[in-house]
Amino acid sequence: MIALADLGSIRLSIDTTVEFEGGQPGPQAWHVSVEKHDDEDNPKLVFWMDGWTFRLYEGGDLGDELDALSADTEVFVPLVQGDEVSQLVSDELHFAPLGDRLVLINHVRLAPELRGRGGIGRYLTGLAIRELEGGAALVALHASPFELRQEFDEGSVPEDVWEAGAEALGPVWESVGFQRLDGHLYVLDPATTAMENAMTALQARICAG
């Protein structure tokens, strides 16, 4: 249950799936959800996030895996080189990744009635990342305004509208500790305190509201 004035009452659910081929595990697909219950305990989904977790340093080519998994994961190929984090990440952002997992966020969705209320969506995203980042070298996302597809016939968003929407999302993700790597690709180093500092400020703002 989520009470806006008391963030201690959030119930966050995580479902994960791993497919094995020849006894070897593939990437972990996951989705996170938060439900709000009314006075009669009827649930309503107010937050949803999905993505994947890949294992680093286990051989193989993660670039090929990302390219083959879906069109959504292809955008993350610059993050990897062989079975490890690419040199681009270290050179551009001066990261020194410590973990053995790569957490990739695909979609994040917040119920319309909770938007514009002090950063609730960002706070819930941060809570989810806390639960998913164990052992992670990096957490990454590609800023994509996918909900714009609902406003156009057959989901065909004009390129300039899509680009403007993606650009507008950048400061949102930077406000919770992500750094822009290339284009609309953003990366968070879990070893830093950037996200925790942002979460503390967000919680104070939401509770004050």
N, C-alpha and C. Protein backbone atom coordinates (compact mmCIF):
# COMPACT_ATOMS: atom_id res chain seq x y z
N MET A 1 0.86 -1.19 0.00
CA MET A 1 0.00 0.00 0.00
C MET A 1 0.89 1.23 0.00
N ILE A 2 0.48 2.29 -0.68
CA ILE A 2 1.23 3.55 -0.70
C ILE A 2 0.37 4.66 -0.14
N ALA A 3 0.86 5.34 0.85
CA ALA A 3 0.22 6.53 1.39
C ALA A 3 1.15 7.69 1.10
N LEU A 4 0.66 8.73 0.42
CA LEU A 4 1.54 9.79 -0.04
C LEU A 4 2.18 10.54 1.12
N ALA A 5 1.51 10.60 2.25
CA ALA A 5 2.07 11.33 3.38
C ALA A 5 2.98 10.46 4.24
N ASP A 6 3.02 9.17 3.96
CA ASP A 6 3.83 8.25 4.77
C ASP A 6 4.46 7.23 3.85
N LEU A 7 5.66 7.54 3.37
CA LEU A 7 6.31 6.66 2.40
C LEU A 7 6.80 5.36 3.02
N GLY A 8 6.66 5.22 4.31
CA GLY A 8 7.03 3.96 4.93
C GLY A 8 6.04 2.85 4.65
N SER A 9 4.88 3.15 4.06
CA SER A 9 3.85 2.14 3.86
C SER A 9 3.76 1.65 2.42
N ILE A 10 4.83 1.80 1.66
CA ILE A 10 4.84 1.36 0.27
C ILE A 10 5.06 -0.16 0.21
N ARG A 11 4.28 -0.82 -0.62
CA ARG A 11 4.48 -2.25 -0.88
C ARG A 11 4.88 -2.41 -2.34
N LEU A 12 6.11 -2.84 -2.55
CA LEU A 12 6.67 -2.94 -3.89
C LEU A 12 6.87 -4.42 -4.23
N SER A 13 6.36 -4.84 -5.38
CA SER A 13 6.45 -6.25 -5.80
C SER A 13 7.40 -6.38 -6.98
N ILE A 14 8.22 -7.42 -6.96
CA ILE A 14 9.16 -7.70 -8.05
C ILE A 14 8.95 -9.12 -8.53
N ASP A 15 8.71 -9.28 -9.82
CA ASP A 15 8.61 -10.60 -10.45
C ASP A 15 9.76 -10.78 -11.42
N THR A 16 10.39 -11.93 -11.39
CA THR A 16 11.54 -12.18 -12.26
C THR A 16 11.38 -13.50 -13.01
N THR A 17 11.98 -13.55 -14.19
CA THR A 17 11.98 -14.77 -15.02
C THR A 17 13.36 -14.95 -15.63
N VAL A 18 13.87 -16.17 -15.55
CA VAL A 18 15.14 -16.51 -16.18
C VAL A 18 14.93 -17.76 -17.03
N GLU A 19 15.30 -17.67 -18.31
CA GLU A 19 15.22 -18.83 -19.19
C GLU A 19 16.60 -19.48 -19.29
N PHE A 20 16.61 -20.84 -19.23
CA PHE A 20 17.85 -21.58 -19.32
C PHE A 20 17.93 -22.30 -20.66
N GLU A 21 19.09 -22.26 -21.25
CA GLU A 21 19.32 -22.98 -22.50
C GLU A 21 20.60 -23.79 -22.36
N GLY A 22 20.46 -25.10 -22.50
CA GLY A 22 21.62 -25.96 -22.31
C GLY A 22 22.18 -25.88 -20.91
N GLY A 23 21.30 -25.61 -19.96
CA GLY A 23 21.74 -25.51 -18.57
C GLY A 23 22.32 -24.16 -18.20
N GLN A 24 22.44 -23.25 -19.16
CA GLN A 24 23.03 -21.94 -18.90
C GLN A 24 21.94 -20.87 -18.79
N PRO A 25 22.02 -20.04 -17.76
CA PRO A 25 20.99 -19.02 -17.59
C PRO A 25 21.15 -17.86 -18.57
N GLY A 26 20.04 -17.40 -19.07
CA GLY A 26 20.04 -16.20 -19.90
C GLY A 26 19.84 -14.98 -19.02
N PRO A 27 19.59 -13.82 -19.61
CA PRO A 27 19.34 -12.62 -18.81
C PRO A 27 18.06 -12.78 -17.99
N GLN A 28 18.05 -12.12 -16.87
CA GLN A 28 16.87 -12.11 -16.00
C GLN A 28 15.93 -11.00 -16.45
N ALA A 29 14.71 -11.35 -16.81
CA ALA A 29 13.69 -10.35 -17.11
C ALA A 29 12.90 -10.08 -15.83
N TRP A 30 12.64 -8.82 -15.52
CA TRP A 30 11.95 -8.49 -14.29
C TRP A 30 10.94 -7.37 -14.52
N HIS A 31 9.95 -7.30 -13.67
CA HIS A 31 9.08 -6.14 -13.63
C HIS A 31 8.69 -5.85 -12.19
N VAL A 32 8.57 -4.57 -11.92
CA VAL A 32 8.30 -4.05 -10.58
C VAL A 32 6.94 -3.35 -10.60
N SER A 33 6.16 -3.52 -9.56
CA SER A 33 4.86 -2.86 -9.50
C SER A 33 4.58 -2.37 -8.09
N VAL A 34 3.80 -1.30 -8.01
CA VAL A 34 3.30 -0.78 -6.74
C VAL A 34 1.80 -0.58 -6.89
N GLU A 35 1.04 -1.10 -5.94
CA GLU A 35 -0.41 -0.95 -5.95
C GLU A 35 -0.84 -0.04 -4.81
N LYS A 36 -1.88 0.73 -5.07
CA LYS A 36 -2.52 1.54 -4.04
C LYS A 36 -3.87 0.91 -3.74
N HIS A 37 -4.19 0.75 -2.47
CA HIS A 37 -5.46 0.14 -2.06
C HIS A 37 -6.40 1.20 -1.52
N ASP A 38 -7.67 1.12 -1.91
CA ASP A 38 -8.65 2.07 -1.39
C ASP A 38 -9.16 1.61 -0.02
N ASP A 39 -10.15 2.32 0.48
CA ASP A 39 -10.65 2.01 1.83
C ASP A 39 -11.25 0.63 1.94
N GLU A 40 -11.67 0.05 0.80
CA GLU A 40 -12.23 -1.29 0.81
C GLU A 40 -11.19 -2.33 0.39
N ASP A 41 -9.93 -1.92 0.38
CA ASP A 41 -8.79 -2.78 0.07
C ASP A 41 -8.79 -3.26 -1.38
N ASN A 42 -9.40 -2.49 -2.27
CA ASN A 42 -9.34 -2.80 -3.70
C ASN A 42 -8.05 -2.23 -4.28
N PRO A 43 -7.27 -3.05 -4.98
CA PRO A 43 -5.97 -2.57 -5.47
C PRO A 43 -6.08 -1.83 -6.80
N LYS A 44 -5.19 -0.86 -6.98
CA LYS A 44 -5.03 -0.18 -8.25
C LYS A 44 -3.55 -0.03 -8.53
N LEU A 45 -3.13 -0.43 -9.72
CA LEU A 45 -1.72 -0.31 -10.10
C LEU A 45 -1.38 1.16 -10.33
N VAL A 46 -0.38 1.68 -9.59
CA VAL A 46 -0.01 3.09 -9.73
C VAL A 46 1.41 3.28 -10.25
N PHE A 47 2.21 2.22 -10.23
CA PHE A 47 3.59 2.33 -10.72
C PHE A 47 3.99 0.99 -11.30
N TRP A 48 4.73 1.06 -12.42
CA TRP A 48 5.18 -0.17 -13.09
C TRP A 48 6.50 0.12 -13.79
N MET A 49 7.44 -0.82 -13.68
CA MET A 49 8.75 -0.67 -14.30
C MET A 49 9.22 -2.05 -14.74
N ASP A 50 9.85 -2.15 -15.91
CA ASP A 50 10.37 -3.45 -16.33
C ASP A 50 11.77 -3.29 -16.92
N GLY A 51 12.44 -4.43 -17.08
CA GLY A 51 13.79 -4.40 -17.64
C GLY A 51 14.45 -5.75 -17.54
N TRP A 52 15.77 -5.74 -17.59
CA TRP A 52 16.55 -6.98 -17.60
C TRP A 52 17.81 -6.81 -16.75
N THR A 53 18.32 -7.94 -16.27
CA THR A 53 19.62 -7.97 -15.61
C THR A 53 20.49 -9.00 -16.32
N PHE A 54 21.67 -8.56 -16.76
CA PHE A 54 22.61 -9.42 -17.47
C PHE A 54 23.80 -9.72 -16.57
N ARG A 55 24.36 -10.91 -16.73
CA ARG A 55 25.56 -11.31 -15.99
C ARG A 55 26.80 -10.90 -16.76
N LEU A 56 27.74 -10.28 -16.06
CA LEU A 56 29.01 -9.89 -16.65
C LEU A 56 30.08 -10.96 -16.37
N TYR A 57 31.13 -10.95 -17.16
CA TYR A 57 32.34 -11.76 -16.93
C TYR A 57 32.08 -13.27 -16.96
N GLU A 58 31.11 -13.70 -17.78
CA GLU A 58 30.84 -15.14 -17.88
C GLU A 58 31.09 -15.66 -19.29
N GLY A 59 31.90 -14.96 -20.07
CA GLY A 59 32.17 -15.39 -21.44
C GLY A 59 31.05 -14.96 -22.37
N GLY A 60 31.24 -15.19 -23.65
CA GLY A 60 30.22 -14.81 -24.61
C GLY A 60 30.32 -13.33 -24.98
N ASP A 61 29.38 -12.91 -25.79
CA ASP A 61 29.36 -11.53 -26.27
C ASP A 61 28.03 -10.89 -25.88
N LEU A 62 28.08 -10.01 -24.90
CA LEU A 62 26.85 -9.37 -24.43
C LEU A 62 26.25 -8.46 -25.49
N GLY A 63 27.08 -7.90 -26.35
CA GLY A 63 26.57 -7.07 -27.43
C GLY A 63 25.65 -7.86 -28.34
N ASP A 64 26.06 -9.10 -28.67
CA ASP A 64 25.22 -9.95 -29.49
C ASP A 64 23.93 -10.31 -28.77
N GLU A 65 24.03 -10.58 -27.46
CA GLU A 65 22.82 -10.92 -26.69
C GLU A 65 21.84 -9.75 -26.68
N LEU A 66 22.36 -8.56 -26.46
CA LEU A 66 21.50 -7.38 -26.42
C LEU A 66 20.85 -7.12 -27.78
N ASP A 67 21.63 -7.29 -28.82
CA ASP A 67 21.13 -7.05 -30.17
C ASP A 67 20.03 -8.05 -30.53
N ALA A 68 20.18 -9.27 -30.05
CA ALA A 68 19.25 -10.34 -30.43
C ALA A 68 17.99 -10.35 -29.58
N LEU A 69 18.06 -9.82 -28.37
CA LEU A 69 16.93 -9.94 -27.45
C LEU A 69 15.71 -9.17 -27.93
N SER A 70 15.87 -7.89 -28.28
CA SER A 70 14.76 -7.09 -28.77
C SER A 70 15.29 -5.77 -29.31
N ALA A 71 14.43 -5.05 -30.01
CA ALA A 71 14.82 -3.72 -30.49
C ALA A 71 15.08 -2.78 -29.32
N ASP A 72 14.41 -3.02 -28.19
CA ASP A 72 14.59 -2.17 -27.02
C ASP A 72 15.99 -2.31 -26.42
N THR A 73 16.55 -3.50 -26.46
CA THR A 73 17.86 -3.71 -25.83
C THR A 73 19.03 -3.35 -26.73
N GLU A 74 18.78 -3.22 -28.01
CA GLU A 74 19.86 -2.89 -28.95
C GLU A 74 20.53 -1.56 -28.59
N VAL A 75 19.76 -0.63 -28.02
CA VAL A 75 20.31 0.69 -27.70
C VAL A 75 21.36 0.63 -26.59
N PHE A 76 21.44 -0.50 -25.86
CA PHE A 76 22.38 -0.63 -24.76
C PHE A 76 23.72 -1.23 -25.17
N VAL A 77 23.85 -1.58 -26.42
CA VAL A 77 25.09 -2.23 -26.90
C VAL A 77 26.34 -1.41 -26.58
N PRO A 78 26.33 -0.06 -26.68
CA PRO A 78 27.55 0.69 -26.35
C PRO A 78 28.05 0.51 -24.92
N LEU A 79 27.24 -0.05 -24.05
CA LEU A 79 27.65 -0.23 -22.65
C LEU A 79 28.61 -1.39 -22.45
N VAL A 80 28.65 -2.31 -23.41
CA VAL A 80 29.40 -3.55 -23.20
C VAL A 80 30.45 -3.77 -24.27
N GLN A 81 31.43 -4.58 -23.91
CA GLN A 81 32.47 -5.02 -24.82
C GLN A 81 32.83 -6.44 -24.43
N GLY A 82 32.48 -7.39 -25.28
CA GLY A 82 32.64 -8.79 -24.90
C GLY A 82 31.71 -9.11 -23.75
N ASP A 83 32.27 -9.59 -22.65
CA ASP A 83 31.42 -9.94 -21.50
C ASP A 83 31.59 -8.97 -20.35
N GLU A 84 32.06 -7.76 -20.64
CA GLU A 84 32.28 -6.79 -19.57
C GLU A 84 31.81 -5.40 -19.98
N VAL A 85 31.88 -4.48 -19.03
CA VAL A 85 31.50 -3.10 -19.30
C VAL A 85 32.50 -2.48 -20.26
N SER A 86 32.02 -1.71 -21.23
CA SER A 86 32.89 -1.17 -22.25
C SER A 86 33.81 -0.08 -21.70
N GLN A 87 34.92 0.10 -22.39
CA GLN A 87 35.87 1.14 -22.02
C GLN A 87 35.26 2.53 -22.17
N LEU A 88 34.26 2.65 -23.05
CA LEU A 88 33.58 3.92 -23.26
C LEU A 88 33.02 4.46 -21.96
N VAL A 89 32.44 3.58 -21.15
CA VAL A 89 31.85 4.01 -19.88
C VAL A 89 32.91 4.59 -18.96
N SER A 90 34.04 3.91 -18.86
CA SER A 90 35.13 4.40 -18.00
C SER A 90 35.73 5.68 -18.52
N ASP A 91 35.92 5.76 -19.84
CA ASP A 91 36.56 6.93 -20.43
C ASP A 91 35.68 8.17 -20.34
N GLU A 92 34.39 8.01 -20.64
CA GLU A 92 33.51 9.17 -20.70
C GLU A 92 33.00 9.61 -19.33
N LEU A 93 32.73 8.65 -18.45
CA LEU A 93 32.12 8.99 -17.16
C LEU A 93 33.04 8.76 -15.97
N HIS A 94 34.22 8.20 -16.24
CA HIS A 94 35.21 7.94 -15.19
C HIS A 94 34.67 7.00 -14.12
N PHE A 95 33.86 6.03 -14.58
CA PHE A 95 33.36 5.00 -13.68
C PHE A 95 34.40 3.90 -13.53
N ALA A 96 34.40 3.25 -12.38
CA ALA A 96 35.20 2.05 -12.16
C ALA A 96 34.25 0.96 -11.67
N PRO A 97 33.51 0.32 -12.58
CA PRO A 97 32.46 -0.64 -12.18
C PRO A 97 33.00 -1.75 -11.30
N LEU A 98 32.27 -2.05 -10.21
CA LEU A 98 32.74 -3.02 -9.24
C LEU A 98 31.95 -4.33 -9.26
N GLY A 99 30.71 -4.32 -9.67
CA GLY A 99 29.86 -5.51 -9.58
C GLY A 99 29.97 -6.42 -10.78
N ASP A 100 29.12 -7.46 -10.79
CA ASP A 100 29.13 -8.43 -11.89
C ASP A 100 27.76 -8.55 -12.55
N ARG A 101 26.96 -7.49 -12.44
CA ARG A 101 25.64 -7.47 -13.06
C ARG A 101 25.45 -6.15 -13.81
N LEU A 102 24.65 -6.20 -14.86
CA LEU A 102 24.28 -5.02 -15.62
C LEU A 102 22.75 -4.93 -15.60
N VAL A 103 22.22 -3.91 -14.92
CA VAL A 103 20.77 -3.74 -14.78
C VAL A 103 20.30 -2.72 -15.80
N LEU A 104 19.35 -3.11 -16.65
CA LEU A 104 18.84 -2.25 -17.71
C LEU A 104 17.36 -1.99 -17.50
N ILE A 105 17.00 -0.72 -17.41
CA ILE A 105 15.60 -0.33 -17.24
C ILE A 105 14.99 -0.09 -18.61
N ASN A 106 13.86 -0.71 -18.87
CA ASN A 106 13.20 -0.61 -20.17
C ASN A 106 12.10 0.46 -20.14
N HIS A 107 11.06 0.24 -19.36
CA HIS A 107 9.94 1.18 -19.26
C HIS A 107 9.69 1.54 -17.80
N VAL A 108 9.25 2.77 -17.57
CA VAL A 108 8.78 3.21 -16.25
C VAL A 108 7.45 3.94 -16.48
N ARG A 109 6.44 3.57 -15.71
CA ARG A 109 5.13 4.19 -15.88
C ARG A 109 4.54 4.52 -14.51
N LEU A 110 4.02 5.75 -14.37
CA LEU A 110 3.38 6.20 -13.14
C LEU A 110 1.95 6.62 -13.47
N ALA A 111 1.00 6.27 -12.59
CA ALA A 111 -0.39 6.64 -12.81
C ALA A 111 -0.51 8.15 -12.97
N PRO A 112 -1.31 8.61 -13.92
CA PRO A 112 -1.43 10.06 -14.19
C PRO A 112 -1.76 10.90 -12.97
N GLU A 113 -2.59 10.38 -12.06
CA GLU A 113 -3.00 11.19 -10.91
C GLU A 113 -1.87 11.42 -9.91
N LEU A 114 -0.76 10.68 -10.06
CA LEU A 114 0.37 10.86 -9.14
C LEU A 114 1.50 11.67 -9.76
N ARG A 115 1.32 12.10 -10.99
CA ARG A 115 2.37 12.88 -11.65
C ARG A 115 2.33 14.33 -11.20
N GLY A 116 3.50 14.96 -11.22
CA GLY A 116 3.58 16.36 -10.84
C GLY A 116 3.33 16.61 -9.36
N ARG A 117 3.65 15.63 -8.53
CA ARG A 117 3.38 15.75 -7.10
C ARG A 117 4.67 15.60 -6.29
N GLY A 118 5.72 16.25 -6.78
CA GLY A 118 6.95 16.31 -6.00
C GLY A 118 7.98 15.24 -6.29
N GLY A 119 7.73 14.40 -7.28
CA GLY A 119 8.74 13.39 -7.64
C GLY A 119 8.41 11.99 -7.16
N ILE A 120 7.12 11.66 -7.03
CA ILE A 120 6.74 10.32 -6.57
C ILE A 120 7.27 9.24 -7.51
N GLY A 121 7.16 9.48 -8.82
CA GLY A 121 7.65 8.49 -9.77
C GLY A 121 9.13 8.24 -9.64
N ARG A 122 9.89 9.32 -9.47
CA ARG A 122 11.34 9.17 -9.31
C ARG A 122 11.68 8.45 -8.00
N TYR A 123 10.91 8.76 -6.95
CA TYR A 123 11.15 8.10 -5.67
C TYR A 123 10.89 6.60 -5.77
N LEU A 124 9.79 6.22 -6.39
CA LEU A 124 9.47 4.80 -6.53
C LEU A 124 10.49 4.10 -7.43
N THR A 125 10.95 4.79 -8.46
CA THR A 125 11.99 4.23 -9.31
C THR A 125 13.25 3.97 -8.49
N GLY A 126 13.60 4.92 -7.64
CA GLY A 126 14.77 4.74 -6.79
C GLY A 126 14.63 3.57 -5.84
N LEU A 127 13.43 3.41 -5.27
CA LEU A 127 13.20 2.25 -4.39
C LEU A 127 13.40 0.94 -5.15
N ALA A 128 12.87 0.89 -6.38
CA ALA A 128 13.01 -0.31 -7.19
C ALA A 128 14.47 -0.59 -7.51
N ILE A 129 15.21 0.46 -7.87
CA ILE A 129 16.63 0.27 -8.19
C ILE A 129 17.39 -0.26 -6.98
N ARG A 130 17.06 0.22 -5.81
CA ARG A 130 17.71 -0.29 -4.59
C ARG A 130 17.58 -1.81 -4.48
N GLU A 131 16.39 -2.31 -4.83
CA GLU A 131 16.14 -3.75 -4.71
C GLU A 131 16.78 -4.54 -5.85
N LEU A 132 17.00 -3.89 -6.99
CA LEU A 132 17.50 -4.59 -8.17
C LEU A 132 19.01 -4.50 -8.35
N GLU A 133 19.65 -3.55 -7.68
CA GLU A 133 21.03 -3.24 -8.01
C GLU A 133 22.06 -4.11 -7.28
N GLY A 134 21.62 -5.02 -6.44
CA GLY A 134 22.57 -5.84 -5.69
C GLY A 134 23.58 -6.52 -6.62
N GLY A 135 24.84 -6.25 -6.43
CA GLY A 135 25.88 -6.83 -7.27
C GLY A 135 26.03 -6.17 -8.62
N ALA A 136 25.33 -5.05 -8.84
CA ALA A 136 25.36 -4.42 -10.16
C ALA A 136 26.59 -3.53 -10.33
N ALA A 137 27.21 -3.64 -11.49
CA ALA A 137 28.28 -2.73 -11.85
C ALA A 137 27.70 -1.42 -12.36
N LEU A 138 26.59 -1.52 -13.09
CA LEU A 138 25.93 -0.36 -13.67
C LEU A 138 24.42 -0.56 -13.69
N VAL A 139 23.70 0.55 -13.61
CA VAL A 139 22.27 0.58 -13.92
C VAL A 139 22.12 1.57 -15.07
N ALA A 140 21.39 1.18 -16.10
CA ALA A 140 21.30 2.04 -17.28
C ALA A 140 19.88 2.08 -17.82
N LEU A 141 19.59 3.15 -18.54
CA LEU A 141 18.30 3.28 -19.23
C LEU A 141 18.48 4.15 -20.46
N HIS A 142 17.54 4.03 -21.38
CA HIS A 142 17.51 4.88 -22.56
C HIS A 142 16.26 5.74 -22.44
N ALA A 143 16.45 7.06 -22.32
CA ALA A 143 15.31 7.95 -22.12
C ALA A 143 14.42 7.93 -23.36
N SER A 144 13.24 7.32 -23.21
CA SER A 144 12.32 7.15 -24.34
C SER A 144 10.91 7.52 -23.90
N PRO A 145 10.30 8.51 -24.53
CA PRO A 145 8.94 8.93 -24.17
C PRO A 145 7.89 8.02 -24.80
N PHE A 146 7.89 6.73 -24.41
CA PHE A 146 7.08 5.73 -25.10
C PHE A 146 5.59 6.00 -25.00
N GLU A 147 5.17 6.74 -23.96
CA GLU A 147 3.73 7.01 -23.82
C GLU A 147 3.21 7.95 -24.90
N LEU A 148 4.10 8.63 -25.61
CA LEU A 148 3.67 9.47 -26.73
C LEU A 148 2.99 8.65 -27.83
N ARG A 149 3.31 7.37 -27.90
CA ARG A 149 2.72 6.52 -28.93
C ARG A 149 1.20 6.45 -28.83
N GLN A 150 0.68 6.67 -27.63
CA GLN A 150 -0.76 6.63 -27.44
C GLN A 150 -1.46 7.84 -28.07
N GLU A 151 -0.70 8.86 -28.41
CA GLU A 151 -1.29 10.09 -28.92
C GLU A 151 -1.31 10.16 -30.45
N PHE A 152 -0.73 9.14 -31.11
CA PHE A 152 -0.63 9.18 -32.56
C PHE A 152 -1.17 7.88 -33.17
N ASP A 153 -1.72 7.99 -34.36
CA ASP A 153 -2.27 6.83 -35.04
C ASP A 153 -1.20 5.76 -35.22
N GLU A 154 -1.55 4.53 -34.85
CA GLU A 154 -0.66 3.38 -34.98
C GLU A 154 0.65 3.58 -34.22
N GLY A 155 0.66 4.49 -33.26
CA GLY A 155 1.85 4.69 -32.44
C GLY A 155 3.01 5.31 -33.17
N SER A 156 2.75 5.93 -34.33
CA SER A 156 3.82 6.50 -35.14
C SER A 156 4.07 7.95 -34.72
N VAL A 157 5.05 8.15 -33.85
CA VAL A 157 5.36 9.48 -33.32
C VAL A 157 6.34 10.19 -34.27
N PRO A 158 6.03 11.42 -34.69
CA PRO A 158 6.98 12.16 -35.53
C PRO A 158 8.34 12.25 -34.86
N GLU A 159 9.38 12.15 -35.65
CA GLU A 159 10.74 12.10 -35.10
C GLU A 159 11.07 13.31 -34.23
N ASP A 160 10.66 14.51 -34.66
CA ASP A 160 10.99 15.70 -33.89
C ASP A 160 10.24 15.72 -32.55
N VAL A 161 9.02 15.19 -32.53
CA VAL A 161 8.25 15.12 -31.28
C VAL A 161 8.89 14.11 -30.32
N TRP A 162 9.27 12.97 -30.87
CA TRP A 162 9.93 11.94 -30.06
C TRP A 162 11.23 12.48 -29.47
N GLU A 163 12.03 13.15 -30.31
CA GLU A 163 13.32 13.67 -29.87
C GLU A 163 13.14 14.70 -28.76
N ALA A 164 12.16 15.58 -28.92
CA ALA A 164 11.90 16.58 -27.88
C ALA A 164 11.46 15.93 -26.57
N GLY A 165 10.64 14.89 -26.68
CA GLY A 165 10.20 14.19 -25.49
C GLY A 165 11.34 13.49 -24.78
N ALA A 166 12.22 12.86 -25.56
CA ALA A 166 13.38 12.18 -24.98
C ALA A 166 14.32 13.18 -24.31
N GLU A 167 14.51 14.32 -24.96
CA GLU A 167 15.40 15.34 -24.40
C GLU A 167 14.84 15.87 -23.08
N ALA A 168 13.53 16.00 -22.99
CA ALA A 168 12.91 16.50 -21.77
C ALA A 168 13.06 15.54 -20.61
N LEU A 169 13.21 14.25 -20.89
CA LEU A 169 13.37 13.26 -19.83
C LEU A 169 14.77 13.27 -19.22
N GLY A 170 15.74 13.78 -19.95
CA GLY A 170 17.12 13.77 -19.47
C GLY A 170 17.30 14.37 -18.09
N PRO A 171 16.84 15.61 -17.86
CA PRO A 171 17.00 16.21 -16.53
C PRO A 171 16.30 15.43 -15.41
N VAL A 172 15.21 14.74 -15.76
CA VAL A 172 14.51 13.92 -14.77
C VAL A 172 15.43 12.83 -14.25
N TRP A 173 16.08 12.12 -15.17
CA TRP A 173 16.95 11.03 -14.76
C TRP A 173 18.24 11.53 -14.12
N GLU A 174 18.74 12.66 -14.59
CA GLU A 174 19.93 13.23 -13.97
C GLU A 174 19.66 13.65 -12.53
N SER A 175 18.42 14.00 -12.23
CA SER A 175 18.08 14.45 -10.87
C SER A 175 18.12 13.32 -9.86
N VAL A 176 18.16 12.06 -10.31
CA VAL A 176 18.27 10.93 -9.38
C VAL A 176 19.61 10.21 -9.52
N GLY A 177 20.59 10.89 -10.13
CA GLY A 177 21.95 10.37 -10.12
C GLY A 177 22.45 9.76 -11.41
N PHE A 178 21.60 9.65 -12.44
CA PHE A 178 22.07 9.12 -13.72
C PHE A 178 22.90 10.18 -14.45
N GLN A 179 23.85 9.70 -15.26
CA GLN A 179 24.67 10.58 -16.09
C GLN A 179 24.49 10.20 -17.55
N ARG A 180 24.43 11.20 -18.41
CA ARG A 180 24.29 10.94 -19.84
C ARG A 180 25.60 10.39 -20.39
N LEU A 181 25.50 9.28 -21.10
CA LEU A 181 26.68 8.68 -21.73
C LEU A 181 26.77 9.08 -23.19
N ASP A 182 25.69 8.80 -23.92
CA ASP A 182 25.70 9.08 -25.36
C ASP A 182 24.26 9.16 -25.83
N GLY A 183 23.93 10.20 -26.59
CA GLY A 183 22.55 10.33 -27.04
C GLY A 183 21.61 10.41 -25.86
N HIS A 184 20.65 9.49 -25.81
CA HIS A 184 19.69 9.45 -24.70
C HIS A 184 19.95 8.26 -23.78
N LEU A 185 21.19 7.78 -23.78
CA LEU A 185 21.58 6.66 -22.93
C LEU A 185 22.16 7.21 -21.63
N TYR A 186 21.57 6.79 -20.50
CA TYR A 186 21.96 7.29 -19.18
C TYR A 186 22.42 6.13 -18.30
N VAL A 187 23.42 6.42 -17.46
CA VAL A 187 24.04 5.38 -16.64
C VAL A 187 24.17 5.85 -15.20
N LEU A 188 23.91 4.93 -14.28
CA LEU A 188 24.05 5.19 -12.85
C LEU A 188 25.11 4.25 -12.28
N ASP A 189 26.02 4.80 -11.50
CA ASP A 189 27.03 3.99 -10.81
C ASP A 189 26.51 3.70 -9.40
N PRO A 190 26.14 2.45 -9.10
CA PRO A 190 25.58 2.14 -7.77
C PRO A 190 26.58 2.34 -6.64
N ALA A 191 27.88 2.43 -6.98
CA ALA A 191 28.89 2.58 -5.94
C ALA A 191 28.94 3.99 -5.38
N THR A 192 28.28 4.95 -6.05
CA THR A 192 28.27 6.33 -5.56
C THR A 192 27.04 6.57 -4.69
N THR A 193 27.02 7.73 -4.06
CA THR A 193 25.88 8.09 -3.21
C THR A 193 24.91 9.03 -3.92
N ALA A 194 25.08 9.21 -5.23
CA ALA A 194 24.26 10.18 -5.96
C ALA A 194 22.77 9.87 -5.84
N MET A 195 22.39 8.62 -6.03
CA MET A 195 20.97 8.29 -5.97
C MET A 195 20.44 8.38 -4.55
N GLU A 196 21.22 7.93 -3.58
CA GLU A 196 20.76 7.99 -2.19
C GLU A 196 20.54 9.43 -1.75
N ASN A 197 21.41 10.33 -2.16
CA ASN A 197 21.23 11.74 -1.82
C ASN A 197 19.95 12.29 -2.43
N ALA A 198 19.71 11.91 -3.69
CA ALA A 198 18.49 12.36 -4.37
C ALA A 198 17.25 11.79 -3.70
N MET A 199 17.31 10.53 -3.28
CA MET A 199 16.17 9.89 -2.64
C MET A 199 15.81 10.57 -1.32
N THR A 200 16.83 10.94 -0.56
CA THR A 200 16.59 11.63 0.71
C THR A 200 15.86 12.94 0.48
N ALA A 201 16.32 13.69 -0.54
CA ALA A 201 15.68 14.97 -0.85
C ALA A 201 14.26 14.78 -1.36
N LEU A 202 14.03 13.77 -2.20
CA LEU A 202 12.70 13.51 -2.72
C LEU A 202 11.73 13.12 -1.63
N GLN A 203 12.17 12.26 -0.72
CA GLN A 203 11.30 11.83 0.36
C GLN A 203 10.87 13.02 1.21
N ALA A 204 11.81 13.89 1.50
CA ALA A 204 11.49 15.08 2.31
C ALA A 204 10.49 15.96 1.58
N ARG A 205 10.66 16.13 0.27
CA ARG A 205 9.77 17.00 -0.50
C ARG A 205 8.37 16.41 -0.58
N ILE A 206 8.28 15.10 -0.83
CA ILE A 206 6.96 14.46 -0.96
C ILE A 206 6.22 14.48 0.36
N CYS A 207 6.91 14.18 1.44
CA CYS A 207 6.26 14.17 2.74
C CYS A 207 5.81 15.57 3.15
N ALA A 208 6.61 16.57 2.77
CA ALA A 208 6.24 17.96 3.09
C ALA A 208 5.02 18.41 2.32
N GLY A 209 4.82 17.78 1.11
CA GLY A 209 3.67 18.16 0.29
C GLY A 209 2.40 17.53 0.79
